[in-house]
Amino acid sequence: MNLEKYIIFPRKEGIELEKIIQEMADLYYDVEYTSGIEIYASKKETDFYIINFSQIPDFERFKYFVNYLAWGENHALQNEV
């Protein structure tokens, strides 16, 4: 696991995390970092996922990805806030 760039994301009922990440990867299909995204269930905290990038994205895209997970189109945390 690449420990330089990762996102810790809370598990929420009804969220299809794989689908959300695939949507994001489809938006950036021509950028290398989307080909190496992996999802892990946290072993320490049972209510979290760890989203890891094997290819380190630039900081601007990394920030956009975090925002997309939290506030993207019709999913993620926007229904929880």
N, C-alpha and C. Protein backbone atom coordinates (compact mmCIF):
# COMPACT_ATOMS: atom_id res chain seq x y z
N MET A 1 0.84 -1.17 0.00
CA MET A 1 0.00 0.00 0.00
C MET A 1 0.89 1.24 0.00
N ASN A 2 0.54 2.18 -0.84
CA ASN A 2 1.26 3.44 -0.92
C ASN A 2 0.78 4.33 0.22
N LEU A 3 1.66 4.69 1.11
CA LEU A 3 1.27 5.48 2.27
C LEU A 3 1.42 6.98 2.05
N GLU A 4 1.73 7.38 0.82
CA GLU A 4 1.87 8.81 0.54
C GLU A 4 0.55 9.48 0.23
N LYS A 5 -0.33 8.80 -0.48
CA LYS A 5 -1.62 9.39 -0.85
C LYS A 5 -2.73 8.39 -0.62
N TYR A 6 -3.55 8.68 0.35
CA TYR A 6 -4.70 7.83 0.62
C TYR A 6 -5.80 8.69 1.22
N ILE A 7 -7.01 8.15 1.20
CA ILE A 7 -8.16 8.83 1.77
C ILE A 7 -8.81 7.85 2.74
N ILE A 8 -9.14 8.31 3.91
CA ILE A 8 -9.92 7.51 4.84
C ILE A 8 -11.36 7.99 4.71
N PHE A 9 -12.25 7.08 4.38
CA PHE A 9 -13.62 7.42 4.06
C PHE A 9 -14.57 6.65 4.97
N PRO A 10 -15.54 7.33 5.59
CA PRO A 10 -16.44 6.62 6.50
C PRO A 10 -17.39 5.69 5.75
N ARG A 11 -17.67 4.55 6.36
CA ARG A 11 -18.68 3.64 5.80
C ARG A 11 -20.05 4.22 6.09
N LYS A 12 -20.86 4.31 5.09
CA LYS A 12 -22.22 4.81 5.25
C LYS A 12 -23.17 3.81 4.59
N GLU A 13 -24.32 3.64 5.19
CA GLU A 13 -25.33 2.75 4.62
C GLU A 13 -25.76 3.26 3.25
N GLY A 14 -25.90 2.37 2.32
CA GLY A 14 -26.42 2.72 1.00
C GLY A 14 -25.42 3.34 0.05
N ILE A 15 -24.18 3.50 0.45
CA ILE A 15 -23.18 4.08 -0.45
C ILE A 15 -22.44 2.96 -1.15
N GLU A 16 -22.45 3.01 -2.46
CA GLU A 16 -21.72 2.04 -3.26
C GLU A 16 -20.36 2.65 -3.61
N LEU A 17 -19.41 2.47 -2.72
CA LEU A 17 -18.12 3.13 -2.86
C LEU A 17 -17.41 2.75 -4.16
N GLU A 18 -17.48 1.49 -4.54
CA GLU A 18 -16.83 1.06 -5.78
C GLU A 18 -17.41 1.80 -6.98
N LYS A 19 -18.73 1.98 -6.98
CA LYS A 19 -19.39 2.69 -8.09
C LYS A 19 -18.94 4.16 -8.14
N ILE A 20 -18.86 4.80 -6.98
CA ILE A 20 -18.44 6.19 -6.92
C ILE A 20 -17.00 6.34 -7.43
N ILE A 21 -16.13 5.44 -7.00
CA ILE A 21 -14.73 5.51 -7.44
C ILE A 21 -14.62 5.24 -8.93
N GLN A 22 -15.43 4.32 -9.45
CA GLN A 22 -15.41 4.05 -10.89
C GLN A 22 -15.87 5.27 -11.67
N GLU A 23 -16.91 5.96 -11.18
CA GLU A 23 -17.36 7.19 -11.84
C GLU A 23 -16.23 8.21 -11.91
N MET A 24 -15.53 8.37 -10.80
CA MET A 24 -14.40 9.31 -10.75
C MET A 24 -13.30 8.88 -11.71
N ALA A 25 -12.98 7.60 -11.71
CA ALA A 25 -11.94 7.09 -12.61
C ALA A 25 -12.35 7.30 -14.07
N ASP A 26 -13.62 7.14 -14.37
CA ASP A 26 -14.09 7.35 -15.74
C ASP A 26 -13.91 8.80 -16.18
N LEU A 27 -14.06 9.73 -15.25
CA LEU A 27 -13.86 11.15 -15.57
C LEU A 27 -12.40 11.44 -15.94
N TYR A 28 -11.48 10.68 -15.33
CA TYR A 28 -10.05 10.89 -15.54
C TYR A 28 -9.38 9.66 -16.13
N TYR A 29 -10.07 9.01 -17.07
CA TYR A 29 -9.54 7.77 -17.66
C TYR A 29 -8.20 7.96 -18.35
N ASP A 30 -7.90 9.15 -18.79
CA ASP A 30 -6.65 9.39 -19.52
C ASP A 30 -5.48 9.77 -18.60
N VAL A 31 -5.70 9.75 -17.29
CA VAL A 31 -4.67 10.09 -16.33
C VAL A 31 -4.23 8.81 -15.62
N GLU A 32 -2.93 8.60 -15.49
CA GLU A 32 -2.40 7.35 -14.96
C GLU A 32 -2.88 6.98 -13.56
N TYR A 33 -3.07 7.94 -12.68
CA TYR A 33 -3.34 7.59 -11.30
C TYR A 33 -4.65 6.84 -11.11
N THR A 34 -5.60 6.96 -12.03
CA THR A 34 -6.88 6.28 -11.84
C THR A 34 -6.80 4.78 -12.09
N SER A 35 -5.71 4.31 -12.66
CA SER A 35 -5.61 2.87 -12.93
C SER A 35 -5.15 2.08 -11.72
N GLY A 36 -4.75 2.73 -10.66
CA GLY A 36 -4.23 2.00 -9.51
C GLY A 36 -4.91 2.35 -8.21
N ILE A 37 -6.22 2.54 -8.22
CA ILE A 37 -6.94 2.87 -6.99
C ILE A 37 -7.41 1.56 -6.34
N GLU A 38 -7.14 1.44 -5.05
CA GLU A 38 -7.55 0.24 -4.32
C GLU A 38 -8.34 0.65 -3.09
N ILE A 39 -9.29 -0.20 -2.69
CA ILE A 39 -10.13 0.06 -1.53
C ILE A 39 -9.86 -1.03 -0.50
N TYR A 40 -9.61 -0.61 0.73
CA TYR A 40 -9.37 -1.53 1.84
C TYR A 40 -10.34 -1.21 2.96
N ALA A 41 -10.82 -2.23 3.64
CA ALA A 41 -11.58 -2.02 4.87
C ALA A 41 -10.55 -1.81 5.98
N SER A 42 -10.74 -0.78 6.75
CA SER A 42 -9.81 -0.49 7.85
C SER A 42 -9.86 -1.62 8.88
N LYS A 43 -8.70 -2.06 9.30
CA LYS A 43 -8.62 -3.10 10.33
C LYS A 43 -8.68 -2.51 11.73
N LYS A 44 -8.27 -1.26 11.87
CA LYS A 44 -8.28 -0.61 13.19
C LYS A 44 -9.64 -0.01 13.51
N GLU A 45 -10.22 0.65 12.54
CA GLU A 45 -11.50 1.33 12.72
C GLU A 45 -12.52 0.65 11.81
N THR A 46 -13.47 -0.05 12.37
CA THR A 46 -14.40 -0.85 11.56
C THR A 46 -15.37 0.00 10.74
N ASP A 47 -15.48 1.26 11.02
CA ASP A 47 -16.42 2.11 10.30
C ASP A 47 -15.79 2.93 9.18
N PHE A 48 -14.62 2.49 8.69
CA PHE A 48 -13.93 3.28 7.67
C PHE A 48 -13.34 2.40 6.57
N TYR A 49 -13.24 3.00 5.40
CA TYR A 49 -12.50 2.43 4.27
C TYR A 49 -11.22 3.24 4.09
N ILE A 50 -10.22 2.62 3.53
CA ILE A 50 -9.02 3.33 3.11
C ILE A 50 -8.95 3.21 1.59
N ILE A 51 -8.91 4.35 0.93
CA ILE A 51 -8.82 4.40 -0.53
C ILE A 51 -7.38 4.79 -0.84
N ASN A 52 -6.68 3.92 -1.54
CA ASN A 52 -5.25 4.08 -1.75
C ASN A 52 -4.94 4.22 -3.24
N PHE A 53 -3.98 5.07 -3.54
CA PHE A 53 -3.54 5.31 -4.92
C PHE A 53 -2.16 4.69 -5.12
N SER A 54 -2.03 3.72 -6.03
CA SER A 54 -0.70 3.18 -6.30
C SER A 54 0.11 4.14 -7.16
N GLN A 55 -0.58 4.92 -7.99
CA GLN A 55 0.04 6.01 -8.76
C GLN A 55 -0.33 7.31 -8.04
N ILE A 56 0.62 8.06 -7.58
CA ILE A 56 0.33 9.26 -6.81
C ILE A 56 -0.20 10.37 -7.72
N PRO A 57 -1.44 10.84 -7.45
CA PRO A 57 -1.98 11.95 -8.25
C PRO A 57 -1.36 13.27 -7.83
N ASP A 58 -1.43 14.25 -8.72
CA ASP A 58 -0.99 15.58 -8.31
C ASP A 58 -1.98 16.11 -7.26
N PHE A 59 -1.55 17.09 -6.51
CA PHE A 59 -2.33 17.56 -5.38
C PHE A 59 -3.70 18.11 -5.79
N GLU A 60 -3.78 18.80 -6.91
CA GLU A 60 -5.06 19.36 -7.37
C GLU A 60 -6.07 18.26 -7.64
N ARG A 61 -5.66 17.21 -8.32
CA ARG A 61 -6.58 16.11 -8.60
C ARG A 61 -6.92 15.34 -7.33
N PHE A 62 -5.96 15.20 -6.43
CA PHE A 62 -6.22 14.53 -5.16
C PHE A 62 -7.31 15.28 -4.39
N LYS A 63 -7.20 16.61 -4.32
CA LYS A 63 -8.22 17.41 -3.63
C LYS A 63 -9.57 17.26 -4.31
N TYR A 64 -9.58 17.25 -5.64
CA TYR A 64 -10.84 17.10 -6.36
C TYR A 64 -11.44 15.73 -6.05
N PHE A 65 -10.62 14.70 -5.99
CA PHE A 65 -11.12 13.37 -5.70
C PHE A 65 -11.76 13.31 -4.31
N VAL A 66 -11.13 13.91 -3.33
CA VAL A 66 -11.70 13.95 -1.97
C VAL A 66 -13.05 14.66 -2.01
N ASN A 67 -13.12 15.78 -2.67
CA ASN A 67 -14.39 16.51 -2.76
C ASN A 67 -15.44 15.72 -3.50
N TYR A 68 -15.05 15.01 -4.55
CA TYR A 68 -16.00 14.21 -5.31
C TYR A 68 -16.59 13.10 -4.44
N LEU A 69 -15.75 12.47 -3.63
CA LEU A 69 -16.26 11.43 -2.73
C LEU A 69 -17.26 12.00 -1.75
N ALA A 70 -16.96 13.16 -1.20
CA ALA A 70 -17.82 13.74 -0.17
C ALA A 70 -19.04 14.45 -0.73
N TRP A 71 -18.91 15.11 -1.87
CA TRP A 71 -19.98 15.98 -2.34
C TRP A 71 -20.37 15.76 -3.78
N GLY A 72 -19.88 14.70 -4.42
CA GLY A 72 -20.14 14.45 -5.83
C GLY A 72 -21.60 14.29 -6.18
N GLU A 73 -21.85 14.01 -7.42
CA GLU A 73 -23.21 13.96 -7.95
C GLU A 73 -24.05 12.86 -7.30
N ASN A 74 -25.06 13.27 -6.54
CA ASN A 74 -26.08 12.37 -5.99
C ASN A 74 -25.57 11.20 -5.17
N HIS A 75 -24.53 11.38 -4.42
CA HIS A 75 -24.03 10.27 -3.63
C HIS A 75 -23.21 10.75 -2.44
N ALA A 76 -22.52 9.84 -1.85
CA ALA A 76 -21.59 10.05 -0.76
C ALA A 76 -22.25 10.76 0.42
N LEU A 77 -21.57 11.72 0.99
CA LEU A 77 -22.01 12.32 2.24
C LEU A 77 -23.08 13.39 2.08
N GLN A 78 -23.37 13.83 0.87
CA GLN A 78 -24.29 14.95 0.73
C GLN A 78 -25.68 14.64 1.31
N ASN A 79 -26.09 13.39 1.32
CA ASN A 79 -27.36 13.04 1.92
C ASN A 79 -27.29 12.88 3.43
N GLU A 80 -26.08 12.85 3.96
CA GLU A 80 -25.87 12.66 5.39
C GLU A 80 -25.75 13.98 6.13
N VAL A 81 -25.43 15.07 5.43
CA VAL A 81 -25.19 16.35 6.08
C VAL A 81 -26.45 17.16 6.13
